[in-house]
N, C-alpha and C. Protein backbone atom coordinates (compact mmCIF):
# COMPACT_ATOMS: atom_id res chain seq x y z
N UNK A 1 -34.32 25.19 18.86
CA UNK A 1 -33.62 25.07 20.01
C UNK A 1 -33.76 23.60 20.61
N UNK A 2 -34.99 23.14 20.64
CA UNK A 2 -35.32 21.85 21.16
C UNK A 2 -34.66 20.81 20.29
N UNK A 3 -34.74 20.94 19.00
CA UNK A 3 -34.17 20.02 18.08
C UNK A 3 -32.65 19.99 18.15
N UNK A 4 -32.04 21.18 18.27
CA UNK A 4 -30.56 21.25 18.37
C UNK A 4 -30.15 20.59 19.70
N UNK A 5 -30.88 20.74 20.70
CA UNK A 5 -30.52 20.15 22.02
C UNK A 5 -30.52 18.55 21.84
N UNK A 6 -31.47 18.01 21.05
CA UNK A 6 -31.61 16.61 20.74
C UNK A 6 -30.31 16.16 20.02
N UNK A 7 -29.96 16.94 19.02
CA UNK A 7 -28.79 16.55 18.22
C UNK A 7 -27.50 16.49 19.04
N UNK A 8 -27.39 17.51 19.92
CA UNK A 8 -26.21 17.55 20.69
C UNK A 8 -26.17 16.48 21.75
N UNK A 9 -27.35 16.15 22.22
CA UNK A 9 -27.47 14.96 23.13
C UNK A 9 -27.06 13.71 22.49
N UNK A 10 -27.48 13.53 21.29
CA UNK A 10 -27.11 12.26 20.52
C UNK A 10 -25.68 12.27 20.25
N UNK A 11 -24.94 13.40 20.09
CA UNK A 11 -23.57 13.44 19.85
C UNK A 11 -22.76 13.36 21.19
N UNK A 12 -23.43 13.31 22.28
CA UNK A 12 -22.69 13.31 23.55
C UNK A 12 -22.17 14.63 24.05
N UNK A 13 -22.65 15.69 23.40
CA UNK A 13 -22.27 17.04 23.87
C UNK A 13 -23.35 17.54 24.85
N UNK A 14 -23.28 16.99 26.01
CA UNK A 14 -24.28 17.22 27.04
C UNK A 14 -24.40 18.67 27.57
N UNK A 15 -23.19 19.33 27.68
CA UNK A 15 -23.25 20.71 28.20
C UNK A 15 -23.99 21.64 27.16
N UNK A 16 -23.64 21.36 25.83
CA UNK A 16 -24.29 22.21 24.86
C UNK A 16 -25.68 21.92 24.76
N UNK A 17 -26.05 20.57 24.89
CA UNK A 17 -27.45 20.21 24.84
C UNK A 17 -28.24 20.81 26.01
N UNK A 18 -27.64 20.95 27.20
CA UNK A 18 -28.27 21.56 28.31
C UNK A 18 -28.50 23.07 28.07
N UNK A 19 -27.49 23.68 27.55
CA UNK A 19 -27.62 25.09 27.29
C UNK A 19 -28.79 25.38 26.31
N UNK A 20 -28.82 24.65 25.30
CA UNK A 20 -29.88 24.84 24.19
C UNK A 20 -31.28 24.41 24.82
N UNK A 21 -31.33 23.38 25.65
CA UNK A 21 -32.63 23.01 26.23
C UNK A 21 -33.10 24.08 27.18
N UNK A 22 -32.13 24.71 27.86
CA UNK A 22 -32.52 25.81 28.77
C UNK A 22 -33.17 26.99 28.02
N UNK A 23 -32.52 27.30 26.88
CA UNK A 23 -33.05 28.37 26.03
C UNK A 23 -34.50 28.04 25.51
N UNK A 24 -34.65 26.80 25.17
CA UNK A 24 -36.02 26.30 24.70
C UNK A 24 -37.00 26.46 25.85
N UNK A 25 -36.65 25.99 27.03
CA UNK A 25 -37.57 26.19 28.23
C UNK A 25 -37.93 27.67 28.51
N UNK A 26 -36.93 28.49 28.40
CA UNK A 26 -37.22 29.84 28.65
C UNK A 26 -38.10 30.48 27.61
N UNK A 27 -37.95 30.08 26.34
CA UNK A 27 -38.77 30.52 25.24
C UNK A 27 -40.19 30.02 25.41
N UNK A 28 -40.37 28.70 25.69
CA UNK A 28 -41.68 28.16 25.88
C UNK A 28 -42.42 28.79 27.04
N UNK A 29 -41.66 29.10 28.12
CA UNK A 29 -42.28 29.77 29.19
C UNK A 29 -42.89 31.25 28.80
N UNK A 30 -42.01 31.86 28.03
CA UNK A 30 -42.45 33.28 27.61
C UNK A 30 -43.66 33.19 26.72
N UNK A 31 -43.77 32.24 25.83
CA UNK A 31 -44.92 32.20 24.92
C UNK A 31 -46.10 31.28 25.46
N UNK A 32 -45.90 30.65 26.61
CA UNK A 32 -46.93 29.90 27.18
C UNK A 32 -47.28 28.58 26.51
N UNK A 33 -46.15 27.98 25.93
CA UNK A 33 -46.35 26.65 25.29
C UNK A 33 -46.14 25.61 26.31
N UNK A 34 -47.17 25.22 27.05
CA UNK A 34 -46.99 24.32 28.20
C UNK A 34 -46.61 22.92 27.73
N UNK A 35 -47.16 22.39 26.58
CA UNK A 35 -46.83 21.13 26.21
C UNK A 35 -45.33 20.94 25.85
N UNK A 36 -44.82 21.82 25.06
CA UNK A 36 -43.34 21.84 24.78
C UNK A 36 -42.61 22.06 26.00
N UNK A 37 -43.00 22.88 26.83
CA UNK A 37 -42.25 23.19 28.15
C UNK A 37 -42.14 21.91 28.97
N UNK A 38 -43.14 21.08 29.03
CA UNK A 38 -43.09 19.83 29.76
C UNK A 38 -42.12 18.84 29.18
N UNK A 39 -42.17 18.78 27.86
CA UNK A 39 -41.29 17.89 27.18
C UNK A 39 -39.88 18.35 27.29
N UNK A 40 -39.59 19.59 27.18
CA UNK A 40 -38.25 20.12 27.37
C UNK A 40 -37.76 19.95 28.76
N UNK A 41 -38.51 20.19 29.71
CA UNK A 41 -38.10 19.97 31.17
C UNK A 41 -37.74 18.57 31.39
N UNK A 42 -38.43 17.64 30.81
CA UNK A 42 -38.15 16.22 31.01
C UNK A 42 -36.80 15.90 30.41
N UNK A 43 -36.73 16.42 29.10
CA UNK A 43 -35.39 16.24 28.45
C UNK A 43 -34.17 16.83 29.14
N UNK A 44 -34.37 17.97 29.73
CA UNK A 44 -33.36 18.69 30.48
C UNK A 44 -32.96 17.81 31.73
N UNK A 45 -33.86 17.23 32.32
CA UNK A 45 -33.54 16.31 33.48
C UNK A 45 -32.68 15.10 33.03
N UNK A 46 -33.05 14.62 31.84
CA UNK A 46 -32.28 13.47 31.30
C UNK A 46 -30.83 14.01 30.89
N UNK A 47 -30.71 15.16 30.32
CA UNK A 47 -29.38 15.58 30.01
C UNK A 47 -28.59 15.88 31.30
N UNK A 48 -29.12 16.53 32.33
CA UNK A 48 -28.44 16.70 33.52
C UNK A 48 -27.97 15.54 34.22
N UNK A 49 -28.80 14.37 34.07
CA UNK A 49 -28.39 13.14 34.64
C UNK A 49 -27.21 12.58 33.93
N UNK A 50 -27.06 12.81 32.59
CA UNK A 50 -25.93 12.33 31.80
C UNK A 50 -24.71 13.15 32.13
N UNK A 51 -24.86 14.44 32.46
CA UNK A 51 -23.70 15.23 32.79
C UNK A 51 -23.08 14.77 34.13
N UNK A 52 -24.03 14.28 35.00
CA UNK A 52 -23.53 13.84 36.33
C UNK A 52 -22.91 12.52 36.36
N UNK A 53 -23.14 11.79 35.28
CA UNK A 53 -22.55 10.42 35.20
C UNK A 53 -21.00 10.36 35.09
N UNK A 54 -20.39 9.44 35.62
CA UNK A 54 -18.91 9.27 35.29
C UNK A 54 -18.70 9.16 33.83
N UNK A 55 -17.73 9.80 33.20
CA UNK A 55 -17.48 9.80 31.88
C UNK A 55 -17.17 8.34 31.33
N UNK A 56 -16.68 7.52 32.12
CA UNK A 56 -16.36 6.10 31.56
C UNK A 56 -17.65 5.31 31.30
N UNK A 57 -18.80 5.67 31.90
CA UNK A 57 -20.11 4.86 31.65
C UNK A 57 -20.92 5.59 30.58
N UNK A 58 -20.46 6.54 29.95
CA UNK A 58 -21.29 7.24 29.02
C UNK A 58 -21.36 6.53 27.67
N UNK A 59 -22.40 6.07 27.22
CA UNK A 59 -22.61 5.52 25.91
C UNK A 59 -23.92 6.06 25.44
N UNK A 60 -24.01 6.18 24.07
CA UNK A 60 -25.29 6.84 23.59
C UNK A 60 -26.46 5.93 23.74
N UNK A 61 -27.46 6.31 24.50
CA UNK A 61 -28.61 5.44 24.67
C UNK A 61 -29.92 6.29 24.33
N UNK A 62 -29.69 7.32 23.46
CA UNK A 62 -30.85 8.11 23.01
C UNK A 62 -31.96 7.32 22.40
N UNK A 63 -33.08 7.46 22.89
CA UNK A 63 -34.19 6.64 22.28
C UNK A 63 -35.22 7.39 21.45
N UNK A 64 -34.85 8.73 21.11
CA UNK A 64 -35.74 9.44 20.30
C UNK A 64 -36.82 10.15 21.08
N UNK A 65 -36.91 9.96 22.45
CA UNK A 65 -38.03 10.61 23.17
C UNK A 65 -37.62 11.78 23.97
N UNK A 66 -36.26 11.99 24.02
CA UNK A 66 -35.77 13.12 24.71
C UNK A 66 -36.20 14.50 24.05
N UNK A 67 -36.59 15.41 24.90
CA UNK A 67 -36.86 16.67 24.34
C UNK A 67 -38.02 16.50 23.45
């Protein structure tokens, strides 16, 4: 789920990326994987920031560190 969210983020499919990142967060919470949870939450914030940007300023700036 986390990797899929990254792929969708790279493709500019931010709503799909957000959905998948939320699923990953939920799963990590259930299993108690705090390190992954932290990384996923950070990535989710980055995705949400991109969703809120005006569409004219969106360019791929993925640096490999999201999620």
